[in-house]
Amino acid sequence: MTKDPRVRKLEKGVGTMGKPGISLIIPAYNEEKYIGKTLESVMKAEGVYSGDAPVEVIVVDNCCTDNTRRIALSYGATVVFEEKRRIASVRNTGARAAEGEIVGFLDADTMITPNMLNSIDETMSSGRYIGGGTDIKIERESAGIFFTYCLTKYPAMMLFGFMGGLIFTEKKTFEEMGGFDESLYCAEDAKFAIALKAHGRKARKRFRILTKDYVITSARTFDKFGDWYYFKNLPRLIFRTKNAFKDKDFADKYWYKVDR
């Protein structure tokens, strides 16, 4: 992945000094309702992090019209801007701005457990892993959410051996792989995780799924569309066309044009 000269750091909050060891990249489109809780969880993890190098938090402002940027800066995050309305592009912009040896990708409505940074550090410093992902929990439970997970989370983990959540790897590995596929409007994280695992096999390294530490994501899509919506419609949405994940209208419906 070549360096893009258009990437620029818009503003930087009051953060730590020195070259970071881990850079957490958070794409954000009108996330004022959630970004504070996410960054609060990151601060708690930083508080117990035993690594020598500081942690860098990069929030990628994807044309926000609310207070997301201001809130991010108040927590000491660096804010960069990406105008292209495509989540893979937003993640890649954050990665280009990252200065850490390790990059991790976290959603703006998703909290991490307090020991997460230590687990990532321990995983990558071992030399045995190409990177990894984390278990995912939803902030509330229901039958519809559980059975939806039976169609998504468990097949990914048990059949394909990968998990999303917070995906992490070395920045140099991320660059060697070319970053996230910008031809996709969604599911770019799943494709990258599968490719990362395959990349690791060539280097005789494994893809690690963290389970003791995990992410807790909001239930807002279930709140919006109903707890059973994805269970009933996911197979149809996935297989209706071979280019389903390149469908801008589909991405707009579930990302950019959903009320925040």
Protein backbone atom coordinates (compact mmCIF):
# COMPACT_ATOMS: atom_id res chain seq x y z
CA MET A 1 0.00 0.00 0.00
CA THR A 2 1.66 3.22 -1.16
CA LYS A 3 1.63 6.36 0.92
CA ASP A 4 -1.12 8.75 -0.15
CA PRO A 5 0.01 12.40 -0.13
CA ARG A 6 -3.59 13.53 0.41
CA VAL A 7 -3.58 12.10 3.95
CA ARG A 8 -3.13 14.85 6.49
CA LYS A 9 -3.62 15.07 10.23
CA LEU A 10 -6.31 17.64 10.81
CA GLU A 11 -6.00 18.02 14.55
CA LYS A 12 -4.44 16.21 17.44
CA GLY A 13 -5.75 16.08 20.96
CA VAL A 14 -3.66 16.08 24.09
CA GLY A 15 -2.13 12.62 23.92
CA THR A 16 1.07 10.81 24.83
CA MET A 17 4.54 11.68 23.53
CA GLY A 18 6.96 9.44 21.66
CA LYS A 19 6.61 6.87 18.90
CA PRO A 20 3.58 4.66 19.57
CA GLY A 21 3.71 0.88 19.72
CA ILE A 22 0.03 0.28 18.92
CA SER A 23 -2.18 2.47 16.74
CA LEU A 24 -5.93 1.99 17.09
CA ILE A 25 -7.85 3.22 14.04
CA ILE A 26 -11.51 4.12 14.44
CA PRO A 27 -13.60 5.04 11.36
CA ALA A 28 -16.36 7.46 12.25
CA TYR A 29 -19.42 8.84 10.50
CA ASN A 30 -21.66 10.86 12.86
CA GLU A 31 -20.80 8.83 15.94
CA GLU A 32 -21.36 11.42 18.68
CA LYS A 33 -23.73 9.06 20.53
CA TYR A 34 -21.13 6.29 20.77
CA ILE A 35 -17.57 7.56 20.26
CA GLY A 36 -17.20 8.78 23.85
CA LYS A 37 -17.94 5.34 25.34
CA THR A 38 -15.58 3.73 22.86
CA LEU A 39 -12.73 6.10 23.68
CA GLU A 40 -13.45 5.79 27.39
CA SER A 41 -12.90 2.04 27.12
CA VAL A 42 -9.65 2.65 25.26
CA MET A 43 -8.47 5.01 28.01
CA LYS A 44 -9.19 2.35 30.64
CA ALA A 45 -7.16 -0.15 28.61
CA GLU A 46 -4.33 2.35 28.31
CA GLY A 47 -4.40 2.76 32.08
CA VAL A 48 -3.45 -0.89 32.65
CA TYR A 49 -1.29 -1.32 29.55
CA SER A 50 2.17 -2.54 30.50
CA GLY A 51 3.90 -1.78 27.19
CA ASP A 52 6.77 0.70 27.04
CA ALA A 53 5.58 2.62 23.98
CA PRO A 54 2.48 4.85 24.02
CA VAL A 55 -0.79 3.96 22.33
CA GLU A 56 -1.98 6.09 19.41
CA VAL A 57 -5.71 6.55 18.77
CA ILE A 58 -6.72 7.76 15.30
CA VAL A 59 -10.33 8.68 14.58
CA VAL A 60 -11.04 8.99 10.86
CA ASP A 61 -13.65 11.66 10.24
CA ASN A 62 -15.68 10.43 7.27
CA CYS A 63 -17.57 13.67 6.59
CA CYS A 64 -19.15 13.92 10.03
CA THR A 65 -21.71 16.69 10.52
CA ASP A 66 -22.08 16.26 14.28
CA ASN A 67 -19.74 16.56 17.28
CA THR A 68 -17.72 13.40 16.62
CA ARG A 69 -14.49 15.28 15.87
CA ARG A 70 -14.75 17.51 18.92
CA ILE A 71 -15.42 14.55 21.22
CA ALA A 72 -12.52 12.58 19.74
CA LEU A 73 -10.13 15.47 20.29
CA SER A 74 -11.29 15.89 23.87
CA TYR A 75 -10.12 12.32 24.54
CA GLY A 76 -6.70 13.01 23.06
CA ALA A 77 -7.26 11.22 19.75
CA THR A 78 -5.68 12.27 16.50
CA VAL A 79 -8.32 13.10 13.89
CA VAL A 80 -7.74 12.63 10.16
CA PHE A 81 -10.22 13.21 7.36
CA GLU A 82 -11.41 10.97 4.54
CA GLU A 83 -14.12 12.21 2.21
CA LYS A 84 -14.62 9.00 0.21
CA ARG A 85 -17.74 7.32 1.55
CA ARG A 86 -16.42 3.79 1.59
CA ILE A 87 -15.45 2.08 4.83
CA ALA A 88 -12.39 0.31 3.36
CA SER A 89 -11.04 3.67 2.21
CA VAL A 90 -11.68 5.16 5.65
CA ARG A 91 -9.77 2.37 7.38
CA ASN A 92 -6.89 2.64 4.92
CA THR A 93 -6.64 6.38 5.46
CA GLY A 94 -6.30 5.81 9.19
CA ALA A 95 -3.61 3.17 8.61
CA ARG A 96 -1.59 5.52 6.42
CA ALA A 97 -1.60 8.10 9.20
CA ALA A 98 -0.67 5.55 11.88
CA GLU A 99 2.81 5.67 13.37
CA GLY A 100 2.61 2.51 15.49
CA GLU A 101 4.36 -0.74 14.72
CA ILE A 102 1.03 -2.53 15.26
CA VAL A 103 -2.26 -1.34 13.78
CA GLY A 104 -5.68 -2.33 15.07
CA PHE A 105 -9.09 -1.48 13.66
CA LEU A 106 -12.01 -0.75 15.98
CA ASP A 107 -15.55 0.40 15.19
CA ALA A 108 -16.74 3.68 16.71
CA ASP A 109 -19.67 2.06 18.55
CA THR A 110 -17.57 -0.72 20.06
CA MET A 111 -15.87 -0.90 23.46
CA ILE A 112 -12.84 -3.01 24.36
CA THR A 113 -12.11 -4.92 27.55
CA PRO A 114 -9.49 -3.38 29.88
CA ASN A 115 -6.72 -5.90 29.17
CA MET A 116 -7.10 -5.75 25.38
CA LEU A 117 -3.92 -3.79 24.65
CA ASN A 118 -1.85 -6.15 26.78
CA SER A 119 -3.30 -9.14 24.93
CA ILE A 120 -2.50 -7.62 21.55
CA ASP A 121 1.02 -6.74 22.68
CA GLU A 122 1.61 -10.23 24.07
CA THR A 123 0.29 -11.84 20.88
CA MET A 124 2.45 -9.83 18.50
CA SER A 125 5.62 -9.82 20.61
CA SER A 126 5.57 -13.63 20.76
CA GLY A 127 6.55 -13.84 17.10
CA ARG A 128 4.15 -16.73 16.57
CA TYR A 129 1.24 -14.84 15.10
CA ILE A 130 0.66 -12.83 11.93
CA GLY A 131 -2.10 -10.96 13.75
CA GLY A 132 -5.58 -11.70 14.92
CA GLY A 133 -9.08 -10.69 15.80
CA THR A 134 -11.28 -10.77 18.86
CA ASP A 135 -14.48 -12.31 20.07
CA ILE A 136 -17.52 -10.05 19.68
CA LYS A 137 -20.35 -9.52 22.12
CA ILE A 138 -23.46 -7.38 21.66
CA GLU A 139 -24.39 -4.94 24.44
CA ARG A 140 -27.74 -6.70 24.88
CA GLU A 141 -29.04 -10.19 24.25
CA SER A 142 -32.10 -11.64 22.57
CA ALA A 143 -33.09 -14.80 20.71
CA GLY A 144 -32.89 -13.00 17.37
CA ILE A 145 -29.37 -11.72 18.06
CA PHE A 146 -28.22 -15.14 19.24
CA PHE A 147 -29.46 -16.95 16.14
CA THR A 148 -28.01 -14.25 13.90
CA TYR A 149 -24.65 -14.99 15.49
CA CYS A 150 -25.15 -18.64 14.67
CA LEU A 151 -25.15 -17.59 11.00
CA THR A 152 -22.19 -15.22 11.21
CA LYS A 153 -19.83 -15.33 14.18
CA TYR A 154 -19.63 -19.06 14.80
CA PRO A 155 -19.13 -20.19 11.17
CA ALA A 156 -16.39 -17.58 10.78
CA MET A 157 -14.61 -18.84 13.89
CA MET A 158 -15.17 -22.59 13.63
CA LEU A 159 -15.25 -23.17 9.86
CA PHE A 160 -12.84 -20.53 8.60
CA GLY A 161 -10.72 -19.91 11.69
CA PHE A 162 -10.95 -16.14 11.79
CA MET A 163 -12.82 -13.48 13.71
CA GLY A 164 -13.33 -9.76 13.22
CA GLY A 165 -14.07 -7.59 16.22
CA LEU A 166 -10.79 -5.74 16.60
CA ILE A 167 -8.50 -6.91 13.79
CA PHE A 168 -4.80 -6.29 14.38
CA THR A 169 -1.45 -6.94 12.72
CA GLU A 170 1.92 -5.28 12.17
CA LYS A 171 1.72 -2.17 10.01
CA LYS A 172 4.37 -3.53 7.67
CA THR A 173 2.24 -6.66 7.14
CA PHE A 174 -0.82 -4.50 6.51
CA GLU A 175 1.11 -2.55 3.88
CA GLU A 176 2.51 -5.70 2.25
CA MET A 177 -1.06 -6.96 1.84
CA GLY A 178 -2.26 -3.70 0.30
CA GLY A 179 -4.68 -2.83 3.10
CA PHE A 180 -8.45 -3.24 2.86
CA ASP A 181 -10.05 -3.90 -0.52
CA GLU A 182 -11.48 -0.57 -1.63
CA SER A 183 -13.66 -2.19 -4.28
CA LEU A 184 -15.92 -3.34 -1.43
CA TYR A 185 -18.50 -1.19 0.34
CA CYS A 186 -18.85 -3.67 3.20
CA ALA A 187 -17.41 -6.99 4.46
CA GLU A 188 -13.93 -5.60 3.80
CA ASP A 189 -12.88 -6.60 7.32
CA ALA A 190 -13.88 -10.24 6.80
CA LYS A 191 -12.00 -10.40 3.50
CA PHE A 192 -8.92 -8.85 5.09
CA ALA A 193 -9.01 -11.26 8.04
CA ILE A 194 -9.19 -14.26 5.69
CA ALA A 195 -6.32 -12.86 3.62
CA LEU A 196 -4.31 -12.14 6.77
CA LYS A 197 -4.66 -15.74 7.90
CA ALA A 198 -3.51 -16.97 4.48
CA HIS A 199 -0.61 -14.50 4.53
CA GLY A 200 0.39 -15.89 7.90
CA ARG A 201 0.52 -19.47 6.62
CA LYS A 202 3.20 -18.45 4.15
CA ALA A 203 5.24 -17.00 7.01
CA ARG A 204 4.45 -20.02 9.24
CA LYS A 205 2.53 -17.82 11.62
CA ARG A 206 -0.98 -18.27 12.95
CA PHE A 207 -4.02 -16.03 13.16
CA ARG A 208 -5.02 -15.69 16.80
CA ILE A 209 -8.58 -15.16 18.03
CA LEU A 210 -8.65 -13.42 21.42
CA THR A 211 -11.49 -14.71 23.58
CA LYS A 212 -10.60 -13.67 27.13
CA ASP A 213 -10.46 -10.13 25.82
CA TYR A 214 -13.23 -9.14 23.45
CA VAL A 215 -15.18 -6.21 22.06
CA ILE A 216 -18.67 -5.13 23.10
CA THR A 217 -20.53 -3.54 20.24
CA SER A 218 -23.76 -1.58 20.24
CA ALA A 219 -27.04 -3.18 19.19
CA ARG A 220 -28.04 -0.17 17.11
CA THR A 221 -28.54 -2.05 13.84
CA PHE A 222 -30.78 -4.55 15.61
CA ASP A 223 -32.59 -1.67 17.33
CA LYS A 224 -33.09 -0.06 13.93
CA PHE A 225 -34.15 -3.07 11.84
CA GLY A 226 -35.35 -5.57 14.44
CA ASP A 227 -33.62 -8.42 16.24
CA TRP A 228 -34.74 -11.01 13.68
CA TYR A 229 -34.12 -8.98 10.52
CA TYR A 230 -30.62 -10.24 9.78
CA PHE A 231 -31.41 -13.84 10.66
CA LYS A 232 -34.29 -13.82 8.18
CA ASN A 233 -32.56 -11.87 5.44
CA LEU A 234 -28.81 -12.50 5.71
CA PRO A 235 -28.69 -15.47 3.30
CA ARG A 236 -30.70 -13.55 0.73
CA LEU A 237 -28.60 -10.41 1.18
CA ILE A 238 -25.33 -12.31 0.81
CA PHE A 239 -26.23 -14.56 -2.10
CA ARG A 240 -28.59 -12.35 -4.10
CA THR A 241 -25.66 -11.39 -6.35
CA LYS A 242 -21.97 -12.21 -6.49
CA ASN A 243 -21.23 -8.50 -6.16
CA ALA A 244 -23.46 -7.89 -3.13
CA PHE A 245 -20.65 -6.31 -1.10
CA LYS A 246 -19.83 -3.92 -3.93
CA ASP A 247 -23.37 -2.53 -3.88
CA LYS A 248 -23.30 1.13 -2.82
CA ASP A 249 -27.06 1.26 -2.20
CA PHE A 250 -26.77 -1.70 0.18
CA ALA A 251 -23.96 0.01 2.09
CA ASP A 252 -25.86 3.29 2.22
CA LYS A 253 -28.90 1.56 3.70
CA TYR A 254 -26.95 -0.01 6.55
CA TRP A 255 -24.19 2.55 7.08
CA TYR A 256 -24.28 6.02 5.62
CA LYS A 257 -27.99 6.70 5.45
CA VAL A 258 -29.00 5.09 8.73
CA ASP A 259 -30.09 7.59 11.37
CA ARG A 260 -27.30 7.91 13.93
